[in-house]
Amino acid sequence: MEERARRIIEEAIALAEEGGFEAVRLRDLASRSGVALGTVYSRFPSKEAILVAALDSEVAKFEDVLREFPIDGETPLDRVAFFFEAASLGLIAREGFARAVLRAVGSGDPGVAEHIIGYQDRITSLVVRALRGGSDGSPGDHEVCFLLQQVWYAELIGWLCGARNTDEVVAHTQQAARLLLAGLHHIQSTDATDSA
């Protein structure tokens, strides 16, 4: 990413942390980034696009942390449960940023759809690596982890609108992990028995 775009994203993160979605005003963002307003528009088509790029930047940092400190756990469920707890607590601890990016992701802005799909693929891959202790997993693993990620997103939206607290987001996502991983284990066991 080129330097001006990086500065814009960093300032968007700072503004979101200070005041959420509404605080990320493009004129303020340009001023704080030291660029012209036209430069912001030439790099990003909307505020939502900037915030989704900021989310992507933060996921890249999370990936770096997980490469340096892989998730430890005795069972696949332990590792997946830890992943969602760490990801939930890490995001929600930065409340303004969390609220801003969740609004951006759920905005319906067609200009950010491709970036959201890329973000979902990255999170799914991280969950698969947690599930399989660092390996890439099977297509079935990816399907289950994609569904888990969708449950997590729904829980985060519940948190955004006040229907869920942080503990509920974590607990419900971990419960979904227990159920989906039990189903995956059953299918894999059945397939192994059928092929024997």
Protein backbone atom coordinates (compact mmCIF):
# COMPACT_ATOMS: atom_id res chain seq x y z
CA MET A 1 0.00 0.00 0.00
CA GLU A 2 1.37 3.41 -0.88
CA GLU A 3 2.24 5.87 1.85
CA ARG A 4 -0.66 8.32 1.44
CA ALA A 5 -3.27 5.55 1.49
CA ARG A 6 -1.60 4.10 4.59
CA ARG A 7 -1.73 7.48 6.36
CA ILE A 8 -5.41 7.88 5.45
CA ILE A 9 -6.19 4.44 6.89
CA GLU A 10 -4.21 5.07 10.07
CA GLU A 11 -6.02 8.36 10.66
CA ALA A 12 -9.38 6.72 9.91
CA ILE A 13 -8.61 4.16 12.63
CA ALA A 14 -7.69 6.93 15.06
CA LEU A 15 -10.84 8.94 14.28
CA ALA A 16 -13.05 5.85 14.59
CA GLU A 17 -11.48 4.98 17.95
CA GLU A 18 -12.19 8.53 19.14
CA GLY A 19 -15.81 8.73 18.05
CA GLY A 20 -17.06 5.81 15.99
CA PHE A 21 -18.50 5.92 12.49
CA GLU A 22 -19.72 9.52 12.64
CA ALA A 23 -16.27 10.79 13.64
CA VAL A 24 -14.74 9.57 10.38
CA ARG A 25 -15.48 12.68 8.31
CA LEU A 26 -13.56 12.80 5.06
CA ARG A 27 -12.59 16.48 5.40
CA ASP A 28 -11.15 15.82 8.88
CA LEU A 29 -9.49 12.68 7.62
CA ALA A 30 -7.78 14.59 4.80
CA SER A 31 -6.58 17.28 7.19
CA ARG A 32 -5.20 14.84 9.75
CA SER A 33 -3.55 12.75 7.02
CA GLY A 34 -1.90 15.81 5.49
CA VAL A 35 -3.46 15.22 2.08
CA ALA A 36 -6.00 17.05 -0.07
CA LEU A 37 -9.64 15.95 0.11
CA GLY A 38 -9.37 14.97 -3.57
CA THR A 39 -6.54 12.60 -2.66
CA VAL A 40 -8.81 10.81 -0.20
CA TYR A 41 -11.51 10.43 -2.86
CA SER A 42 -8.98 9.27 -5.46
CA ARG A 43 -7.84 6.44 -3.15
CA PHE A 44 -11.20 5.44 -1.65
CA PRO A 45 -14.69 5.79 -3.12
CA SER A 46 -16.41 6.21 0.27
CA LYS A 47 -16.02 6.38 4.02
CA GLU A 48 -17.20 2.78 4.15
CA ALA A 49 -14.39 1.74 1.80
CA ILE A 50 -11.83 3.46 4.03
CA LEU A 51 -13.16 1.70 7.12
CA VAL A 52 -13.20 -1.70 5.42
CA ALA A 53 -9.59 -1.07 4.34
CA ALA A 54 -8.83 -0.18 7.98
CA LEU A 55 -10.40 -3.45 9.11
CA ASP A 56 -8.31 -5.32 6.56
CA SER A 57 -5.19 -3.59 7.89
CA GLU A 58 -6.04 -4.64 11.45
CA VAL A 59 -6.70 -8.24 10.35
CA ALA A 60 -3.23 -8.26 8.74
CA LYS A 61 -1.75 -7.24 12.11
CA PHE A 62 -3.75 -10.01 13.82
CA GLU A 63 -2.39 -12.50 11.26
CA ASP A 64 1.15 -11.38 12.10
CA VAL A 65 0.50 -11.94 15.82
CA LEU A 66 -0.90 -15.41 15.14
CA ARG A 67 2.13 -16.30 12.99
CA GLU A 68 4.44 -15.29 15.83
CA PHE A 69 2.28 -16.79 18.58
CA PRO A 70 0.21 -19.67 17.13
CA ILE A 71 -2.95 -20.61 18.99
CA ASP A 72 -2.29 -23.37 21.47
CA GLY A 73 -4.89 -25.84 22.66
CA GLU A 74 -5.31 -29.54 23.20
CA THR A 75 -8.29 -29.97 20.90
CA PRO A 76 -9.57 -28.30 17.73
CA LEU A 77 -12.49 -26.91 19.75
CA ASP A 78 -10.13 -25.41 22.34
CA ARG A 79 -8.19 -23.63 19.59
CA VAL A 80 -11.27 -22.37 17.73
CA ALA A 81 -12.92 -21.22 20.97
CA PHE A 82 -9.74 -19.35 21.91
CA PHE A 83 -9.57 -17.75 18.46
CA PHE A 84 -13.09 -16.33 18.68
CA GLU A 85 -12.61 -15.18 22.26
CA ALA A 86 -9.36 -13.38 21.40
CA ALA A 87 -10.79 -11.88 18.20
CA SER A 88 -14.00 -10.74 19.93
CA LEU A 89 -12.28 -9.21 22.95
CA GLY A 90 -9.62 -7.58 20.80
CA LEU A 91 -12.17 -5.95 18.51
CA ILE A 92 -14.74 -4.94 21.12
CA ALA A 93 -12.05 -3.46 23.40
CA ARG A 94 -11.68 -0.78 20.73
CA GLU A 95 -15.35 0.12 20.89
CA GLY A 96 -15.41 3.15 18.59
CA PHE A 97 -13.41 1.37 15.92
CA ALA A 98 -15.51 -1.80 16.27
CA ARG A 99 -18.76 0.11 15.90
CA ALA A 100 -17.42 2.04 12.89
CA VAL A 101 -16.18 -0.98 10.97
CA LEU A 102 -19.26 -3.06 11.70
CA ARG A 103 -21.44 -0.25 10.34
CA ALA A 104 -19.20 0.00 7.28
CA VAL A 105 -19.27 -3.76 6.64
CA GLY A 106 -23.06 -3.83 7.03
CA SER A 107 -23.66 -0.66 5.03
CA GLY A 108 -24.75 -2.34 1.81
CA ASP A 109 -22.30 -0.14 -0.11
CA PRO A 110 -21.66 -2.11 -3.33
CA GLY A 111 -18.20 -0.54 -3.57
CA VAL A 112 -16.97 -2.53 -0.58
CA ALA A 113 -18.47 -5.95 -1.37
CA GLU A 114 -15.30 -7.34 -2.95
CA HIS A 115 -13.22 -6.21 0.03
CA ILE A 116 -15.70 -7.77 2.47
CA ILE A 117 -15.51 -11.09 0.62
CA GLY A 118 -11.71 -10.91 0.86
CA TYR A 119 -11.96 -10.12 4.59
CA GLN A 120 -14.31 -13.07 5.14
CA ASP A 121 -11.93 -15.39 3.29
CA ARG A 122 -9.02 -14.24 5.47
CA ILE A 123 -10.96 -14.78 8.71
CA THR A 124 -12.15 -18.19 7.50
CA SER A 125 -8.54 -19.19 6.76
CA LEU A 126 -7.45 -18.04 10.23
CA VAL A 127 -10.20 -20.12 11.86
CA VAL A 128 -9.23 -23.16 9.75
CA ARG A 129 -5.61 -22.79 10.84
CA ALA A 130 -6.76 -22.61 14.47
CA LEU A 131 -8.94 -25.67 13.94
CA ARG A 132 -6.18 -27.71 12.33
CA GLY A 133 -3.27 -26.43 14.40
CA GLY A 134 -1.68 -24.44 11.60
CA SER A 135 -2.49 -26.52 8.52
CA ASP A 136 -4.81 -25.52 5.69
CA GLY A 137 -7.56 -28.06 6.36
CA SER A 138 -10.08 -29.69 4.05
CA PRO A 139 -12.94 -28.18 2.03
CA GLY A 140 -15.31 -29.35 4.80
CA ASP A 141 -13.20 -27.49 7.35
CA HIS A 142 -13.49 -24.31 5.28
CA GLU A 143 -17.26 -24.65 5.00
CA VAL A 144 -17.70 -25.10 8.76
CA CYS A 145 -15.30 -22.26 9.58
CA PHE A 146 -17.07 -19.96 7.11
CA LEU A 147 -20.37 -20.71 8.87
CA LEU A 148 -18.76 -20.06 12.26
CA GLN A 149 -17.50 -16.75 11.01
CA GLN A 150 -21.05 -15.86 9.89
CA VAL A 151 -22.39 -16.68 13.37
CA TRP A 152 -19.66 -14.50 14.87
CA TYR A 153 -20.58 -11.62 12.57
CA ALA A 154 -24.27 -11.95 13.52
CA GLU A 155 -23.30 -11.87 17.20
CA LEU A 156 -21.17 -8.77 16.62
CA ILE A 157 -24.12 -7.06 14.94
CA GLY A 158 -26.18 -8.00 18.00
CA TRP A 159 -23.49 -6.31 20.14
CA LEU A 160 -23.54 -3.25 17.86
CA CYS A 161 -27.28 -2.74 18.36
CA GLY A 162 -27.19 -3.50 22.10
CA ALA A 163 -28.86 -6.92 21.96
CA ARG A 164 -25.69 -8.74 23.06
CA ASN A 165 -22.92 -7.99 25.53
CA THR A 166 -19.31 -9.05 25.01
CA ASP A 167 -19.65 -12.23 27.09
CA GLU A 168 -22.70 -13.29 25.06
CA VAL A 169 -20.88 -12.71 21.76
CA VAL A 170 -18.08 -14.99 22.92
CA ALA A 171 -20.35 -17.62 24.51
CA HIS A 172 -22.75 -17.88 21.56
CA THR A 173 -19.93 -18.11 19.03
CA GLN A 174 -18.20 -20.79 21.09
CA GLN A 175 -21.49 -22.72 21.39
CA ALA A 176 -21.87 -22.58 17.60
CA ALA A 177 -18.29 -23.88 17.33
CA ARG A 178 -19.12 -26.83 19.62
CA LEU A 179 -22.18 -27.76 17.56
CA LEU A 180 -20.64 -27.29 14.11
CA LEU A 181 -17.39 -29.05 14.99
CA ALA A 182 -19.34 -31.98 16.47
CA GLY A 183 -21.24 -32.19 13.18
CA LEU A 184 -18.02 -31.99 11.17
CA HIS A 185 -16.44 -34.74 13.30
CA HIS A 186 -19.53 -36.93 12.81
CA ILE A 187 -19.47 -36.45 9.03
CA GLN A 188 -15.74 -37.16 8.83
CA SER A 189 -16.16 -40.28 11.00
CA THR A 190 -19.05 -41.51 8.87
CA ASP A 191 -17.09 -40.89 5.65
CA ALA A 192 -14.08 -42.79 7.07
CA THR A 193 -16.33 -45.73 8.06
CA ASP A 194 -18.08 -45.78 4.67
CA SER A 195 -14.79 -45.80 2.77
CA ALA A 196 -13.32 -48.63 4.90
